[in-house]
Amino acid sequence: MFPERLKSLRLEAGLTQKQIAEKLEIKQQSYAQWESGRTKPRSATLNKFADFFGVTTDYLLGKTNIKKEIPEGEELEKELDRAIDNSVGFEGKPVSDYDREVIKEVLRNYFKNQKNN
């Protein structure tokens, strides 16, 4: 699972193996072996990949399909507001304050359930 996820994230980022290796200051040959599944990186390198791609190590290892930790508290509220501002509207108009709160409550419950599973 790790090699597939590593390659997929690299391609999503639009980068070559060489570019990733340069950015993370690792050997391109080592990166190619990790992406092909011939070898596995050490935990420090795994953490570098997770930080670079903005995902969790559990996602990289295939332990979860959730790329990022689910935020909590104030961080969750900021993320919800940003997501609603950037993508939700009705007939080209922003949603009302009431609808915004309903959408946020639905999403809060969804994330809460995801954390518990």
N, C-alpha and C. Protein backbone atom coordinates (compact mmCIF):
# COMPACT_ATOMS: atom_id res chain seq x y z
N MET A 1 0.82 -1.19 0.00
CA MET A 1 0.00 0.00 0.00
C MET A 1 0.87 1.26 0.00
N PHE A 2 1.95 1.26 0.78
CA PHE A 2 2.81 2.43 0.87
C PHE A 2 3.34 2.87 -0.50
N PRO A 3 3.89 1.96 -1.30
CA PRO A 3 4.43 2.41 -2.59
C PRO A 3 3.37 3.09 -3.47
N GLU A 4 2.16 2.53 -3.49
CA GLU A 4 1.09 3.10 -4.31
C GLU A 4 0.71 4.50 -3.82
N ARG A 5 0.62 4.63 -2.50
CA ARG A 5 0.24 5.93 -1.94
C ARG A 5 1.33 6.97 -2.20
N LEU A 6 2.58 6.57 -2.05
CA LEU A 6 3.69 7.48 -2.27
C LEU A 6 3.68 7.98 -3.72
N LYS A 7 3.50 7.06 -4.66
CA LYS A 7 3.48 7.45 -6.07
C LYS A 7 2.28 8.33 -6.38
N SER A 8 1.13 7.96 -5.85
CA SER A 8 -0.08 8.74 -6.09
C SER A 8 0.07 10.18 -5.58
N LEU A 9 0.61 10.34 -4.39
CA LEU A 9 0.81 11.68 -3.84
C LEU A 9 1.80 12.48 -4.67
N ARG A 10 2.84 11.81 -5.13
CA ARG A 10 3.84 12.50 -5.97
C ARG A 10 3.20 12.99 -7.26
N LEU A 11 2.40 12.11 -7.87
CA LEU A 11 1.75 12.49 -9.13
C LEU A 11 0.72 13.60 -8.92
N GLU A 12 -0.02 13.54 -7.82
CA GLU A 12 -0.98 14.60 -7.49
C GLU A 12 -0.27 15.95 -7.35
N ALA A 13 0.94 15.91 -6.80
CA ALA A 13 1.73 17.13 -6.61
C ALA A 13 2.38 17.58 -7.91
N GLY A 14 2.33 16.73 -8.94
CA GLY A 14 2.92 17.08 -10.23
C GLY A 14 4.43 17.11 -10.21
N LEU A 15 5.03 16.24 -9.42
CA LEU A 15 6.48 16.23 -9.27
C LEU A 15 7.08 14.92 -9.76
N THR A 16 8.33 14.98 -10.15
CA THR A 16 9.06 13.78 -10.55
C THR A 16 9.73 13.19 -9.31
N GLN A 17 10.21 11.96 -9.46
CA GLN A 17 10.96 11.35 -8.36
C GLN A 17 12.19 12.19 -8.02
N LYS A 18 12.84 12.67 -9.04
CA LYS A 18 14.04 13.48 -8.84
C LYS A 18 13.71 14.75 -8.05
N GLN A 19 12.61 15.42 -8.38
CA GLN A 19 12.23 16.64 -7.69
C GLN A 19 11.92 16.38 -6.21
N ILE A 20 11.21 15.29 -5.94
CA ILE A 20 10.91 14.94 -4.55
C ILE A 20 12.22 14.69 -3.80
N ALA A 21 13.10 13.92 -4.41
CA ALA A 21 14.37 13.59 -3.76
C ALA A 21 15.16 14.86 -3.45
N GLU A 22 15.19 15.78 -4.37
CA GLU A 22 15.91 17.03 -4.14
C GLU A 22 15.28 17.84 -3.02
N LYS A 23 13.95 17.95 -3.03
CA LYS A 23 13.26 18.74 -2.02
C LYS A 23 13.43 18.16 -0.62
N LEU A 24 13.47 16.83 -0.52
CA LEU A 24 13.59 16.18 0.78
C LEU A 24 15.03 15.82 1.13
N GLU A 25 15.94 16.16 0.23
CA GLU A 25 17.37 15.90 0.43
C GLU A 25 17.64 14.43 0.70
N ILE A 26 17.11 13.60 -0.21
CA ILE A 26 17.35 12.16 -0.17
C ILE A 26 17.84 11.73 -1.55
N LYS A 27 18.39 10.55 -1.64
CA LYS A 27 18.87 10.04 -2.92
C LYS A 27 17.69 9.62 -3.79
N GLN A 28 17.76 9.99 -5.06
CA GLN A 28 16.68 9.64 -5.97
C GLN A 28 16.56 8.12 -6.11
N GLN A 29 17.66 7.42 -6.07
CA GLN A 29 17.66 5.96 -6.17
C GLN A 29 16.90 5.35 -4.99
N SER A 30 17.11 5.90 -3.80
CA SER A 30 16.38 5.40 -2.62
C SER A 30 14.90 5.66 -2.79
N TYR A 31 14.56 6.86 -3.25
CA TYR A 31 13.14 7.19 -3.44
C TYR A 31 12.51 6.22 -4.43
N ALA A 32 13.19 5.96 -5.52
CA ALA A 32 12.65 5.05 -6.54
C ALA A 32 12.42 3.65 -5.96
N GLN A 33 13.31 3.21 -5.10
CA GLN A 33 13.13 1.89 -4.48
C GLN A 33 11.93 1.87 -3.52
N TRP A 34 11.71 2.97 -2.80
CA TRP A 34 10.54 3.03 -1.89
C TRP A 34 9.25 3.05 -2.70
N GLU A 35 9.25 3.83 -3.78
CA GLU A 35 8.05 3.94 -4.60
C GLU A 35 7.74 2.64 -5.33
N SER A 36 8.76 1.87 -5.65
CA SER A 36 8.55 0.60 -6.34
C SER A 36 8.24 -0.53 -5.36
N GLY A 37 8.47 -0.29 -4.08
CA GLY A 37 8.19 -1.30 -3.07
C GLY A 37 9.34 -2.26 -2.81
N ARG A 38 10.50 -1.99 -3.40
CA ARG A 38 11.65 -2.87 -3.18
C ARG A 38 12.21 -2.75 -1.77
N THR A 39 12.14 -1.54 -1.22
CA THR A 39 12.60 -1.33 0.16
C THR A 39 11.60 -0.42 0.87
N LYS A 40 11.74 -0.33 2.19
CA LYS A 40 10.87 0.53 2.99
C LYS A 40 11.70 1.60 3.66
N PRO A 41 11.17 2.81 3.77
CA PRO A 41 11.94 3.88 4.42
C PRO A 41 11.92 3.74 5.94
N ARG A 42 12.88 4.36 6.57
CA ARG A 42 12.91 4.42 8.04
C ARG A 42 11.81 5.38 8.51
N SER A 43 11.50 5.31 9.78
CA SER A 43 10.40 6.13 10.30
C SER A 43 10.65 7.63 10.13
N ALA A 44 11.89 8.07 10.26
CA ALA A 44 12.19 9.50 10.08
C ALA A 44 11.88 9.94 8.66
N THR A 45 12.19 9.10 7.69
CA THR A 45 11.90 9.42 6.30
C THR A 45 10.40 9.36 6.04
N LEU A 46 9.74 8.41 6.63
CA LEU A 46 8.28 8.31 6.51
C LEU A 46 7.63 9.61 7.03
N ASN A 47 8.14 10.11 8.15
CA ASN A 47 7.63 11.37 8.70
C ASN A 47 7.89 12.54 7.76
N LYS A 48 9.05 12.54 7.09
CA LYS A 48 9.35 13.58 6.10
C LYS A 48 8.32 13.56 4.98
N PHE A 49 7.99 12.36 4.49
CA PHE A 49 6.99 12.24 3.43
C PHE A 49 5.64 12.76 3.90
N ALA A 50 5.24 12.36 5.09
CA ALA A 50 3.94 12.78 5.62
C ALA A 50 3.88 14.31 5.73
N ASP A 51 4.92 14.92 6.26
CA ASP A 51 4.95 16.38 6.39
C ASP A 51 4.94 17.05 5.02
N PHE A 52 5.72 16.54 4.11
CA PHE A 52 5.83 17.14 2.79
C PHE A 52 4.49 17.10 2.05
N PHE A 53 3.81 15.96 2.10
CA PHE A 53 2.56 15.81 1.36
C PHE A 53 1.33 16.25 2.16
N GLY A 54 1.53 16.58 3.42
CA GLY A 54 0.41 17.02 4.25
C GLY A 54 -0.57 15.91 4.59
N VAL A 55 -0.04 14.72 4.83
CA VAL A 55 -0.88 13.57 5.19
C VAL A 55 -0.32 12.94 6.46
N THR A 56 -1.05 11.97 6.99
CA THR A 56 -0.56 11.27 8.18
C THR A 56 0.28 10.07 7.75
N THR A 57 1.12 9.60 8.66
CA THR A 57 1.88 8.39 8.36
C THR A 57 0.94 7.19 8.24
N ASP A 58 -0.15 7.20 9.00
CA ASP A 58 -1.13 6.11 8.88
C ASP A 58 -1.72 6.05 7.48
N TYR A 59 -1.95 7.21 6.88
CA TYR A 59 -2.45 7.23 5.51
C TYR A 59 -1.40 6.64 4.56
N LEU A 60 -0.16 7.08 4.71
CA LEU A 60 0.91 6.57 3.84
C LEU A 60 1.03 5.05 3.94
N LEU A 61 0.87 4.52 5.14
CA LEU A 61 1.03 3.08 5.36
C LEU A 61 -0.23 2.27 5.03
N GLY A 62 -1.30 2.96 4.68
CA GLY A 62 -2.52 2.26 4.32
C GLY A 62 -3.37 1.85 5.51
N LYS A 63 -3.10 2.40 6.68
CA LYS A 63 -3.88 2.06 7.86
C LYS A 63 -5.21 2.80 7.91
N THR A 64 -5.31 3.88 7.14
CA THR A 64 -6.53 4.67 7.04
C THR A 64 -6.62 5.29 5.66
N ASN A 65 -7.83 5.65 5.25
CA ASN A 65 -8.02 6.34 3.98
C ASN A 65 -8.17 7.85 4.18
N ILE A 66 -8.08 8.29 5.42
CA ILE A 66 -8.19 9.71 5.73
C ILE A 66 -6.78 10.30 5.66
N LYS A 67 -6.60 11.26 4.75
CA LYS A 67 -5.26 11.80 4.52
C LYS A 67 -4.73 12.64 5.66
N LYS A 68 -5.60 13.43 6.29
CA LYS A 68 -5.16 14.34 7.33
C LYS A 68 -5.91 14.05 8.62
N GLU A 69 -5.29 14.41 9.72
CA GLU A 69 -5.97 14.30 11.00
C GLU A 69 -7.20 15.21 10.97
N ILE A 70 -8.25 14.76 11.57
CA ILE A 70 -9.46 15.57 11.64
C ILE A 70 -9.24 16.64 12.69
N PRO A 71 -9.37 17.91 12.29
CA PRO A 71 -9.12 18.98 13.26
C PRO A 71 -10.20 19.00 14.35
N GLU A 72 -9.89 19.67 15.44
CA GLU A 72 -10.83 19.77 16.54
C GLU A 72 -10.94 21.23 16.96
N GLY A 73 -11.99 21.53 17.71
CA GLY A 73 -12.16 22.84 18.33
C GLY A 73 -12.12 23.98 17.34
N GLU A 74 -11.33 24.99 17.69
CA GLU A 74 -11.25 26.21 16.88
C GLU A 74 -10.72 25.93 15.48
N GLU A 75 -9.78 25.00 15.38
CA GLU A 75 -9.22 24.66 14.07
C GLU A 75 -10.30 24.05 13.17
N LEU A 76 -11.15 23.20 13.73
CA LEU A 76 -12.25 22.62 12.97
C LEU A 76 -13.19 23.72 12.48
N GLU A 77 -13.52 24.66 13.35
CA GLU A 77 -14.43 25.75 12.98
C GLU A 77 -13.85 26.57 11.82
N LYS A 78 -12.55 26.85 11.88
CA LYS A 78 -11.90 27.60 10.79
C LYS A 78 -11.97 26.83 9.48
N GLU A 79 -11.68 25.52 9.55
CA GLU A 79 -11.72 24.68 8.35
C GLU A 79 -13.13 24.61 7.77
N LEU A 80 -14.13 24.48 8.63
CA LEU A 80 -15.52 24.42 8.16
C LEU A 80 -15.91 25.74 7.49
N ASP A 81 -15.59 26.85 8.12
CA ASP A 81 -15.91 28.16 7.54
C ASP A 81 -15.23 28.33 6.17
N ARG A 82 -13.96 27.95 6.12
CA ARG A 82 -13.22 28.08 4.85
C ARG A 82 -13.84 27.21 3.77
N ALA A 83 -14.19 25.97 4.12
CA ALA A 83 -14.78 25.07 3.14
C ALA A 83 -16.12 25.58 2.64
N ILE A 84 -16.94 26.08 3.56
CA ILE A 84 -18.25 26.60 3.17
C ILE A 84 -18.09 27.85 2.32
N ASP A 85 -17.21 28.74 2.71
CA ASP A 85 -16.99 29.96 1.94
C ASP A 85 -16.52 29.67 0.52
N ASN A 86 -15.70 28.64 0.37
CA ASN A 86 -15.11 28.33 -0.93
C ASN A 86 -15.97 27.46 -1.83
N SER A 87 -16.97 26.77 -1.27
CA SER A 87 -17.64 25.81 -2.14
C SER A 87 -19.15 25.72 -2.03
N VAL A 88 -19.77 26.35 -1.06
CA VAL A 88 -21.20 26.16 -0.88
C VAL A 88 -21.95 27.43 -1.25
N GLY A 89 -22.98 27.26 -2.06
CA GLY A 89 -23.84 28.36 -2.43
C GLY A 89 -25.14 27.80 -2.98
N PHE A 90 -26.09 28.66 -3.18
CA PHE A 90 -27.36 28.24 -3.77
C PHE A 90 -27.72 29.24 -4.84
N GLU A 91 -27.86 28.75 -6.07
CA GLU A 91 -28.17 29.60 -7.22
C GLU A 91 -27.19 30.77 -7.33
N GLY A 92 -25.93 30.48 -7.07
CA GLY A 92 -24.89 31.49 -7.20
C GLY A 92 -24.78 32.47 -6.05
N LYS A 93 -25.59 32.29 -5.03
CA LYS A 93 -25.57 33.20 -3.88
C LYS A 93 -25.03 32.47 -2.66
N PRO A 94 -24.39 33.19 -1.74
CA PRO A 94 -23.92 32.55 -0.52
C PRO A 94 -25.10 32.05 0.31
N VAL A 95 -24.84 31.04 1.11
CA VAL A 95 -25.89 30.50 1.97
C VAL A 95 -26.16 31.45 3.14
N SER A 96 -27.35 31.36 3.69
CA SER A 96 -27.72 32.20 4.83
C SER A 96 -26.93 31.76 6.06
N ASP A 97 -26.91 32.62 7.07
CA ASP A 97 -26.24 32.28 8.32
C ASP A 97 -26.84 31.02 8.94
N TYR A 98 -28.16 30.91 8.87
CA TYR A 98 -28.83 29.73 9.43
C TYR A 98 -28.38 28.47 8.69
N ASP A 99 -28.40 28.51 7.35
CA ASP A 99 -27.98 27.35 6.56
C ASP A 99 -26.52 27.01 6.81
N ARG A 100 -25.71 28.03 6.97
CA ARG A 100 -24.28 27.83 7.27
C ARG A 100 -24.13 27.02 8.55
N GLU A 101 -24.89 27.37 9.58
CA GLU A 101 -24.80 26.65 10.85
C GLU A 101 -25.31 25.22 10.73
N VAL A 102 -26.36 25.01 9.93
CA VAL A 102 -26.87 23.66 9.71
C VAL A 102 -25.81 22.80 9.02
N ILE A 103 -25.18 23.36 7.99
CA ILE A 103 -24.15 22.63 7.26
C ILE A 103 -22.97 22.32 8.18
N LYS A 104 -22.57 23.28 8.99
CA LYS A 104 -21.46 23.06 9.91
C LYS A 104 -21.79 21.96 10.92
N GLU A 105 -23.03 21.94 11.42
CA GLU A 105 -23.42 20.93 12.39
C GLU A 105 -23.39 19.53 11.76
N VAL A 106 -23.86 19.43 10.53
CA VAL A 106 -23.81 18.14 9.82
C VAL A 106 -22.37 17.69 9.67
N LEU A 107 -21.49 18.60 9.27
CA LEU A 107 -20.09 18.25 9.09
C LEU A 107 -19.41 17.92 10.41
N ARG A 108 -19.72 18.66 11.48
CA ARG A 108 -19.16 18.35 12.80
C ARG A 108 -19.51 16.91 13.19
N ASN A 109 -20.78 16.55 13.01
CA ASN A 109 -21.22 15.20 13.36
C ASN A 109 -20.54 14.15 12.49
N TYR A 110 -20.38 14.46 11.21
CA TYR A 110 -19.69 13.54 10.31
C TYR A 110 -18.26 13.29 10.79
N PHE A 111 -17.53 14.36 11.08
CA PHE A 111 -16.15 14.21 11.52
C PHE A 111 -16.06 13.50 12.85
N LYS A 112 -17.00 13.77 13.74
CA LYS A 112 -17.02 13.09 15.03
C LYS A 112 -17.19 11.59 14.83
N ASN A 113 -18.10 11.20 13.93
CA ASN A 113 -18.31 9.78 13.63
C ASN A 113 -17.07 9.16 13.00
N GLN A 114 -16.40 9.90 12.13
CA GLN A 114 -15.19 9.39 11.48
C GLN A 114 -14.09 9.11 12.51
N LYS A 115 -13.98 9.99 13.49
CA LYS A 115 -12.96 9.80 14.52
C LYS A 115 -13.24 8.57 15.37
N ASN A 116 -14.51 8.28 15.57
CA ASN A 116 -14.89 7.15 16.41
C ASN A 116 -14.83 5.82 15.68
N ASN A 117 -14.65 5.84 14.38
CA ASN A 117 -14.59 4.58 13.60
C ASN A 117 -13.17 4.17 13.32
